[in-house]
N, C-alpha and C. Protein backbone atom coordinates (compact mmCIF):
# COMPACT_ATOMS: atom_id res chain seq x y z
N UNK A 1 -20.18 -9.08 -13.47
CA UNK A 1 -20.00 -7.89 -14.26
C UNK A 1 -21.09 -6.86 -13.98
N UNK A 2 -22.32 -7.32 -13.73
CA UNK A 2 -23.42 -6.41 -13.44
C UNK A 2 -23.42 -5.97 -11.99
N UNK A 3 -22.64 -6.64 -11.15
CA UNK A 3 -22.59 -6.30 -9.74
C UNK A 3 -23.76 -6.88 -8.96
N UNK A 4 -24.39 -7.91 -9.47
CA UNK A 4 -25.55 -8.51 -8.81
C UNK A 4 -25.25 -9.89 -8.22
N UNK A 5 -24.00 -10.35 -8.34
CA UNK A 5 -23.64 -11.64 -7.78
C UNK A 5 -22.54 -11.47 -6.75
N UNK A 6 -22.61 -12.29 -5.72
CA UNK A 6 -21.55 -12.32 -4.71
C UNK A 6 -20.42 -13.20 -5.23
N UNK A 7 -19.31 -13.22 -4.54
CA UNK A 7 -18.15 -14.03 -4.96
C UNK A 7 -18.48 -15.52 -5.02
N UNK A 8 -19.40 -15.96 -4.17
CA UNK A 8 -19.75 -17.39 -4.17
C UNK A 8 -20.74 -17.76 -5.27
N UNK A 9 -21.15 -16.78 -6.07
CA UNK A 9 -22.06 -17.03 -7.19
C UNK A 9 -23.52 -16.79 -6.88
N UNK A 10 -23.85 -16.58 -5.61
CA UNK A 10 -25.25 -16.32 -5.27
C UNK A 10 -25.63 -14.89 -5.65
N UNK A 11 -26.90 -14.68 -5.91
CA UNK A 11 -27.39 -13.36 -6.32
C UNK A 11 -27.62 -12.45 -5.12
N UNK A 12 -27.36 -11.17 -5.32
CA UNK A 12 -27.65 -10.19 -4.27
C UNK A 12 -29.09 -9.71 -4.36
N UNK A 13 -29.79 -10.10 -5.40
CA UNK A 13 -31.20 -9.74 -5.57
C UNK A 13 -32.01 -11.01 -5.79
N UNK A 14 -33.31 -10.87 -5.63
CA UNK A 14 -34.21 -11.97 -5.96
C UNK A 14 -34.87 -11.62 -7.28
N UNK A 15 -34.84 -12.53 -8.22
CA UNK A 15 -35.44 -12.28 -9.54
C UNK A 15 -36.96 -12.18 -9.47
N UNK A 16 -37.53 -12.49 -8.33
CA UNK A 16 -38.98 -12.44 -8.20
C UNK A 16 -39.47 -11.26 -7.37
N UNK A 17 -38.56 -10.45 -6.84
CA UNK A 17 -38.94 -9.29 -6.03
C UNK A 17 -39.17 -8.08 -6.91
N UNK A 18 -40.39 -7.59 -6.90
CA UNK A 18 -40.74 -6.47 -7.78
C UNK A 18 -40.15 -5.14 -7.32
N UNK A 19 -39.72 -5.04 -6.07
CA UNK A 19 -39.13 -3.78 -5.60
C UNK A 19 -37.82 -3.47 -6.31
N UNK A 20 -37.23 -4.47 -6.96
CA UNK A 20 -35.98 -4.24 -7.68
C UNK A 20 -36.20 -3.19 -8.78
N UNK A 21 -37.41 -3.07 -9.28
CA UNK A 21 -37.68 -2.12 -10.36
C UNK A 21 -38.09 -0.74 -9.86
N UNK A 22 -37.91 -0.48 -8.57
CA UNK A 22 -38.13 0.88 -8.07
C UNK A 22 -37.02 1.81 -8.54
N UNK A 23 -35.89 1.24 -8.89
CA UNK A 23 -34.73 2.00 -9.37
C UNK A 23 -34.44 1.56 -10.80
N UNK A 24 -34.52 2.47 -11.80
CA UNK A 24 -34.36 2.07 -13.21
C UNK A 24 -33.07 1.31 -13.51
N UNK A 25 -31.93 1.73 -12.98
CA UNK A 25 -30.67 1.05 -13.30
C UNK A 25 -30.65 -0.35 -12.72
N UNK A 26 -31.19 -0.53 -11.53
CA UNK A 26 -31.22 -1.85 -10.92
C UNK A 26 -32.19 -2.75 -11.67
N UNK A 27 -33.31 -2.20 -12.11
CA UNK A 27 -34.28 -2.97 -12.89
C UNK A 27 -33.65 -3.41 -14.21
N UNK A 28 -32.92 -2.54 -14.85
CA UNK A 28 -32.26 -2.86 -16.11
C UNK A 28 -31.23 -3.97 -15.92
N UNK A 29 -30.40 -3.86 -14.89
CA UNK A 29 -29.41 -4.90 -14.60
C UNK A 29 -30.09 -6.22 -14.28
N UNK A 30 -31.15 -6.15 -13.47
CA UNK A 30 -31.87 -7.37 -13.10
C UNK A 30 -32.50 -8.01 -14.33
N UNK A 31 -33.02 -7.21 -15.24
CA UNK A 31 -33.61 -7.76 -16.47
C UNK A 31 -32.55 -8.48 -17.30
N UNK A 32 -31.36 -7.90 -17.40
CA UNK A 32 -30.29 -8.54 -18.16
C UNK A 32 -29.90 -9.88 -17.56
N UNK A 33 -30.04 -10.01 -16.25
CA UNK A 33 -29.68 -11.24 -15.56
C UNK A 33 -30.84 -12.24 -15.52
N UNK A 34 -32.03 -11.75 -15.20
CA UNK A 34 -33.17 -12.64 -14.94
C UNK A 34 -34.11 -12.84 -16.12
N UNK A 35 -34.24 -11.83 -16.98
CA UNK A 35 -35.13 -11.87 -18.15
C UNK A 35 -36.58 -12.20 -17.80
N UNK A 36 -37.10 -11.56 -16.76
CA UNK A 36 -38.49 -11.77 -16.36
C UNK A 36 -39.39 -10.85 -17.19
N UNK A 37 -40.54 -11.37 -17.59
CA UNK A 37 -41.48 -10.60 -18.41
C UNK A 37 -41.96 -9.34 -17.68
N UNK A 38 -42.19 -9.45 -16.38
CA UNK A 38 -42.68 -8.29 -15.64
C UNK A 38 -41.62 -7.19 -15.58
N UNK A 39 -40.35 -7.57 -15.59
CA UNK A 39 -39.28 -6.57 -15.60
C UNK A 39 -39.28 -5.82 -16.93
N UNK A 40 -39.49 -6.56 -18.01
CA UNK A 40 -39.56 -5.93 -19.33
C UNK A 40 -40.70 -4.92 -19.37
N UNK A 41 -41.85 -5.27 -18.82
CA UNK A 41 -42.99 -4.36 -18.81
C UNK A 41 -42.68 -3.11 -17.99
N UNK A 42 -41.99 -3.29 -16.87
CA UNK A 42 -41.62 -2.14 -16.03
C UNK A 42 -40.65 -1.23 -16.79
N UNK A 43 -39.71 -1.80 -17.51
CA UNK A 43 -38.76 -1.00 -18.27
C UNK A 43 -39.44 -0.28 -19.43
N UNK A 44 -40.42 -0.91 -20.04
CA UNK A 44 -41.17 -0.27 -21.13
C UNK A 44 -41.97 0.93 -20.64
N UNK A 45 -42.32 0.94 -19.36
CA UNK A 45 -43.11 2.04 -18.78
C UNK A 45 -42.28 3.29 -18.49
N UNK A 46 -40.95 3.16 -18.53
CA UNK A 46 -40.11 4.32 -18.21
C UNK A 46 -40.38 5.47 -19.17
N UNK A 47 -40.65 6.62 -18.63
CA UNK A 47 -40.91 7.81 -19.44
C UNK A 47 -39.62 8.29 -20.10
N UNK A 48 -39.71 8.81 -21.34
CA UNK A 48 -38.52 9.40 -21.96
C UNK A 48 -37.94 10.47 -21.04
N UNK A 49 -36.66 10.50 -20.94
CA UNK A 49 -36.01 11.46 -20.06
C UNK A 49 -35.68 10.88 -18.69
N UNK A 50 -36.33 9.77 -18.33
CA UNK A 50 -36.00 9.08 -17.08
C UNK A 50 -34.60 8.50 -17.24
N UNK A 51 -33.79 8.57 -16.18
CA UNK A 51 -32.45 7.96 -16.31
C UNK A 51 -32.55 6.51 -16.78
N UNK A 52 -31.74 6.17 -17.74
CA UNK A 52 -31.62 4.83 -18.31
C UNK A 52 -32.81 4.42 -19.19
N UNK A 53 -33.76 5.28 -19.45
CA UNK A 53 -34.91 4.93 -20.29
C UNK A 53 -34.46 4.63 -21.72
N UNK A 54 -33.56 5.44 -22.25
CA UNK A 54 -33.09 5.22 -23.63
C UNK A 54 -32.31 3.91 -23.73
N UNK A 55 -31.47 3.65 -22.75
CA UNK A 55 -30.70 2.41 -22.74
C UNK A 55 -31.64 1.21 -22.64
N UNK A 56 -32.67 1.33 -21.81
CA UNK A 56 -33.64 0.24 -21.66
C UNK A 56 -34.34 -0.04 -22.98
N UNK A 57 -34.70 1.00 -23.72
CA UNK A 57 -35.39 0.79 -25.00
C UNK A 57 -34.47 0.10 -26.02
N UNK A 58 -33.20 0.42 -25.98
CA UNK A 58 -32.24 -0.23 -26.88
C UNK A 58 -32.08 -1.69 -26.49
N UNK A 59 -31.94 -1.97 -25.20
CA UNK A 59 -31.79 -3.34 -24.72
C UNK A 59 -33.02 -4.17 -25.04
N UNK A 60 -34.20 -3.57 -24.90
CA UNK A 60 -35.45 -4.29 -25.16
C UNK A 60 -35.73 -4.44 -26.65
N UNK A 61 -34.97 -3.70 -27.47
CA UNK A 61 -35.16 -3.80 -28.91
C UNK A 61 -36.29 -2.93 -29.44
N UNK A 62 -36.80 -2.01 -28.63
CA UNK A 62 -37.88 -1.14 -29.09
C UNK A 62 -37.35 0.14 -29.72
N UNK A 63 -36.06 0.38 -29.63
CA UNK A 63 -35.47 1.56 -30.25
C UNK A 63 -34.01 1.25 -30.60
N UNK A 64 -33.61 1.75 -31.73
CA UNK A 64 -32.21 1.63 -32.14
C UNK A 64 -31.72 3.05 -32.41
N UNK A 65 -30.65 3.48 -31.74
CA UNK A 65 -30.18 4.85 -31.92
C UNK A 65 -29.89 5.19 -33.37
N UNK A 66 -30.14 6.43 -33.74
CA UNK A 66 -29.88 6.88 -35.11
C UNK A 66 -28.43 6.69 -35.51
N UNK A 67 -27.52 6.84 -34.54
CA UNK A 67 -26.10 6.65 -34.87
C UNK A 67 -25.79 5.20 -35.23
N UNK A 68 -26.72 4.30 -34.93
CA UNK A 68 -26.56 2.88 -35.31
C UNK A 68 -27.41 2.54 -36.53
N UNK A 69 -27.93 3.55 -37.21
CA UNK A 69 -28.74 3.32 -38.40
C UNK A 69 -30.23 3.41 -38.15
N UNK A 70 -30.65 3.52 -36.88
CA UNK A 70 -32.06 3.64 -36.56
C UNK A 70 -32.85 2.40 -36.94
N UNK A 71 -34.17 2.47 -36.73
CA UNK A 71 -35.05 1.37 -37.09
C UNK A 71 -35.29 1.36 -38.58
N UNK A 72 -35.45 0.19 -39.18
CA UNK A 72 -35.81 0.14 -40.60
C UNK A 72 -37.18 0.79 -40.80
N UNK A 73 -37.46 1.35 -41.97
CA UNK A 73 -38.73 2.05 -42.22
C UNK A 73 -39.95 1.18 -41.92
N UNK A 74 -39.89 -0.11 -42.18
CA UNK A 74 -41.05 -0.96 -41.96
C UNK A 74 -41.35 -1.17 -40.47
N UNK A 75 -40.42 -0.80 -39.58
CA UNK A 75 -40.64 -0.96 -38.13
C UNK A 75 -41.07 0.34 -37.47
N UNK A 76 -41.15 1.41 -38.22
CA UNK A 76 -41.50 2.71 -37.61
C UNK A 76 -42.97 2.90 -37.56
């Protein structure tokens, strides 16, 4: 579904290659698949306005869109 696996089930990326995070969308997809701590740190570094930065913050749980009720007051 993420487009990171071949038909035989092997990965098209290595979960240990840091170059995967040179591209925000690829880093986000790789994080969803691999869940590496260093990937999370790279995604947290994305500046607001960077493509996929908002989506990354929602996936990481550091931001919840206002249309979804936003963060509870005790988390702000």
